[in-house]
Protein backbone atom coordinates (compact mmCIF):
# COMPACT_ATOMS: atom_id res chain seq x y z
CA MET A 1 -99.56 -112.76 -108.57
CA LYS A 2 -99.65 -113.56 -104.83
CA LYS A 3 -102.99 -111.74 -104.49
CA LEU A 4 -104.46 -113.72 -107.40
CA LEU A 5 -103.26 -116.99 -105.88
CA LEU A 6 -104.73 -116.03 -102.49
CA VAL A 7 -108.07 -115.15 -104.11
CA LEU A 8 -108.12 -118.50 -105.95
CA VAL A 9 -107.34 -120.41 -102.76
CA LEU A 10 -110.12 -118.58 -100.89
CA LEU A 11 -112.61 -119.22 -103.70
CA LEU A 12 -111.73 -122.92 -103.77
CA ALA A 13 -112.08 -123.16 -99.99
CA ALA A 14 -115.51 -121.47 -100.14
CA ALA A 15 -116.57 -123.82 -102.94
CA GLN A 16 -115.53 -126.85 -100.87
CA ILE A 17 -117.58 -125.66 -97.91
CA ALA A 18 -120.61 -125.07 -100.12
CA ILE A 19 -120.27 -128.52 -101.73
CA ALA A 20 -119.65 -130.26 -98.41
CA SER A 21 -122.67 -128.64 -96.79
CA GLU A 22 -125.15 -129.99 -99.33
CA PRO A 23 -127.25 -132.84 -97.96
CA ALA A 24 -125.80 -136.26 -98.66
CA GLU A 25 -127.60 -138.01 -101.53
CA ASP A 26 -127.80 -141.18 -99.46
CA GLY A 27 -128.61 -139.40 -96.19
CA PHE A 28 -131.86 -138.47 -94.44
CA ILE A 29 -132.46 -134.82 -93.55
CA VAL A 30 -133.70 -134.50 -89.98
CA ALA A 31 -133.82 -130.68 -89.94
CA ASP A 32 -132.48 -128.01 -92.28
CA PHE A 33 -134.55 -125.18 -90.75
CA ALA A 34 -135.92 -124.13 -94.15
CA ASP A 35 -139.38 -124.59 -92.64
CA ALA A 36 -138.66 -123.97 -88.97
CA GLU A 37 -142.41 -123.74 -88.33
CA ALA A 38 -142.62 -127.52 -88.93
CA LEU A 39 -140.41 -128.17 -85.89
CA THR A 40 -140.79 -127.56 -82.20
CA ILE A 41 -137.66 -125.65 -81.18
CA PHE A 42 -136.96 -125.08 -77.49
CA ASP A 43 -134.22 -123.99 -75.10
CA TYR A 44 -133.66 -124.59 -71.41
CA HIS A 45 -131.01 -123.92 -68.78
CA HIS A 46 -130.14 -124.17 -65.11
CA ALA A 47 -131.25 -121.15 -63.05
CA GLU A 48 -127.72 -119.70 -62.95
CA ASP A 49 -126.98 -120.31 -66.64
CA GLU A 50 -128.37 -118.68 -69.80
CA ALA A 51 -129.69 -120.01 -73.11
CA LYS A 52 -131.47 -118.45 -76.06
CA VAL A 53 -132.26 -120.13 -79.37
CA SER A 54 -133.77 -118.48 -82.43
CA VAL A 55 -134.08 -119.03 -86.17
CA VAL A 56 -131.87 -116.69 -88.20
CA SER A 57 -131.35 -116.21 -91.94
CA GLN A 58 -127.65 -117.13 -91.90
CA GLY A 59 -127.78 -120.80 -92.84
CA LEU A 60 -124.95 -122.68 -94.45
CA TYR A 61 -127.39 -124.91 -96.31
CA GLY A 62 -130.48 -123.12 -97.46
CA GLU A 63 -131.53 -119.86 -95.90
CA ASN A 64 -132.10 -120.51 -92.19
CA ALA A 65 -130.05 -121.80 -89.28
CA LEU A 66 -130.48 -121.90 -85.52
CA SER A 67 -128.61 -119.32 -83.47
CA PHE A 68 -127.80 -120.49 -79.94
CA THR A 69 -126.37 -118.06 -77.40
CA PHE A 70 -125.35 -119.54 -74.07
CA ARG A 71 -123.43 -119.00 -70.84
CA VAL A 72 -122.76 -121.93 -68.53
CA ASP A 73 -121.60 -120.93 -65.04
CA ARG A 74 -122.95 -123.85 -63.08
CA GLN A 75 -124.51 -126.75 -64.95
CA GLN A 76 -125.87 -126.57 -68.52
CA ALA A 77 -127.65 -124.67 -71.26
CA ALA A 78 -129.37 -126.40 -74.16
CA PHE A 79 -131.59 -126.28 -77.18
CA GLY A 80 -133.68 -129.03 -78.67
CA ILE A 81 -135.78 -129.85 -81.70
CA ARG A 82 -138.83 -132.10 -82.03
CA PRO A 83 -140.34 -133.32 -85.29
CA ALA A 84 -143.74 -132.25 -86.49
CA ALA A 85 -146.50 -134.79 -85.80
CA GLU A 86 -146.35 -136.19 -89.35
CA GLN A 87 -142.54 -136.53 -89.40
CA VAL A 88 -140.69 -139.67 -88.35
CA TRP A 89 -137.00 -139.46 -87.47
CA ASP A 90 -135.92 -143.05 -88.10
CA GLY A 91 -132.15 -143.40 -88.42
CA SER A 92 -132.05 -147.18 -87.94
CA ASP A 93 -130.51 -147.71 -91.40
CA TYR A 94 -127.76 -145.12 -90.84
CA SER A 95 -124.41 -145.00 -89.05
CA TYR A 96 -124.01 -141.30 -88.19
CA ILE A 97 -125.91 -138.24 -87.05
CA SER A 98 -124.37 -135.17 -88.63
CA VAL A 99 -124.78 -131.48 -87.83
CA TRP A 100 -123.02 -128.37 -89.12
CA ILE A 101 -121.89 -125.94 -86.41
CA LYS A 102 -120.48 -122.45 -86.89
CA GLY A 103 -118.31 -121.85 -83.85
CA ASP A 104 -117.15 -118.45 -82.63
CA GLY A 105 -113.66 -119.62 -81.60
CA SER A 106 -114.47 -120.14 -77.93
CA THR A 107 -113.99 -123.57 -76.34
CA TRP A 108 -116.88 -125.39 -74.72
CA GLY A 109 -118.03 -128.88 -73.90
CA TYR A 110 -121.24 -130.40 -75.19
CA ARG A 111 -123.53 -133.40 -74.82
CA PHE A 112 -125.44 -134.46 -77.92
CA GLU A 113 -128.60 -136.05 -76.53
CA PRO A 114 -131.26 -137.78 -78.65
CA THR A 115 -134.37 -139.16 -76.95
CA ASP A 116 -135.63 -142.47 -78.33
CA PHE A 117 -139.19 -143.68 -78.90
CA GLY A 118 -139.45 -145.01 -75.34
CA GLY A 119 -138.25 -141.74 -73.79
CA GLU A 120 -134.77 -143.04 -72.95
CA ARG A 121 -132.06 -140.42 -73.39
CA PHE A 122 -128.72 -141.23 -75.00
CA GLU A 123 -125.56 -139.13 -75.23
CA ILE A 124 -122.22 -138.50 -76.88
CA LEU A 125 -119.84 -136.04 -75.18
CA GLY A 126 -117.50 -133.73 -77.05
CA GLU A 127 -115.81 -130.35 -77.24
CA ILE A 128 -115.99 -127.55 -79.81
CA SER A 129 -113.28 -124.93 -80.21
CA HIS A 130 -113.37 -124.04 -83.91
CA GLU A 131 -114.26 -120.81 -85.64
CA GLY A 132 -116.46 -120.92 -88.74
CA TRP A 133 -118.55 -123.76 -90.14
CA GLN A 134 -117.55 -127.35 -89.40
CA GLN A 135 -119.37 -130.65 -89.77
CA VAL A 136 -119.67 -132.76 -86.63
CA LYS A 137 -120.34 -136.46 -87.40
CA LEU A 138 -121.45 -138.51 -84.41
CA PRO A 139 -121.43 -142.32 -84.70
CA ILE A 140 -124.84 -143.68 -83.70
CA SER A 141 -123.12 -146.81 -82.36
CA ASN A 142 -121.28 -144.60 -79.80
CA LEU A 143 -124.49 -143.31 -78.21
CA ASP A 144 -124.60 -144.36 -74.55
CA SER A 145 -127.69 -144.46 -72.37
CA ARG A 146 -127.53 -141.55 -69.90
CA THR A 147 -127.22 -142.31 -66.21
CA TRP A 148 -130.05 -139.86 -65.41
CA GLN A 149 -133.34 -140.67 -67.15
CA PRO A 150 -136.82 -139.11 -67.02
CA GLY A 151 -139.18 -140.98 -64.70
CA ASP A 152 -141.47 -142.09 -67.56
CA ALA A 153 -138.66 -143.43 -69.80
CA THR A 154 -138.50 -147.08 -70.86
CA VAL A 155 -134.84 -147.69 -70.03
CA ASN A 156 -133.34 -150.75 -71.73
CA HIS A 157 -130.02 -149.31 -73.00
CA GLN A 158 -131.10 -150.02 -76.60
CA LEU A 159 -131.88 -147.14 -78.95
CA ALA A 160 -135.54 -147.53 -80.00
CA TRP A 161 -136.38 -145.73 -83.26
CA PRO A 162 -137.82 -143.28 -84.19
CA LEU A 163 -136.40 -140.40 -82.16
CA ARG A 164 -138.73 -138.18 -80.12
CA ASP A 165 -136.32 -135.24 -80.07
CA ILE A 166 -132.69 -134.17 -80.29
CA ARG A 167 -131.10 -131.96 -77.63
CA PHE A 168 -127.76 -130.20 -77.86
CA VAL A 169 -126.55 -129.49 -74.33
CA VAL A 170 -123.62 -127.16 -73.62
CA THR A 171 -121.86 -128.21 -70.43
CA SER A 172 -119.20 -125.49 -70.19
CA GLY A 173 -118.22 -122.14 -71.67
CA SER A 174 -120.10 -119.29 -73.28
CA GLY A 175 -120.64 -117.98 -76.78
CA THR A 176 -122.91 -117.97 -79.79
CA ILE A 177 -123.03 -120.71 -82.40
CA LEU A 178 -125.06 -121.31 -85.53
CA VAL A 179 -126.39 -124.80 -86.24
CA ASP A 180 -127.63 -126.12 -89.58
CA LEU A 181 -128.49 -129.34 -91.41
CA PHE A 182 -129.07 -132.20 -88.97
CA GLU A 183 -129.07 -135.44 -90.97
CA PHE A 184 -128.56 -139.19 -90.70
CA LEU A 185 -125.68 -140.47 -92.83
CA PRO A 186 -124.56 -143.96 -93.92
């Protein structure tokens, strides 16, 4: 009887994850990696750190996800996504940016960094320490203009839609994560 109960609990938990990872009906999908060819996907890192991003067939939603392996010894490691030329990432009618992350149980700090239409970079800082898939919802109203900005950015401390790109910067730790289903949510 205990085994049956455990199996039922596990099945219900798996069903909840599957239901929760479906795109929100009233949301806007930024990237689900089903057609990764339609995005520009890139990684970068400080000379003493490591970063590698690739598309893998282990997605929570749909077939594909991004795999990001990193080691931060000095400064940062990151990956980013840019929309295809015909796509417009306008989240002005939404309150959150959401992403699903499958952690490996290690603890690391991150900086979620969208770049607005004028090239100004914004950020929200956080920490991940979970194992398995978890949704991370970031309030758009909490995005702060970064202190450092590219030289060609129009810096006015106001998020100008649409977004040029989204970067996910790891500021400490090492590990491998999977990332799936970026979307704007109400």
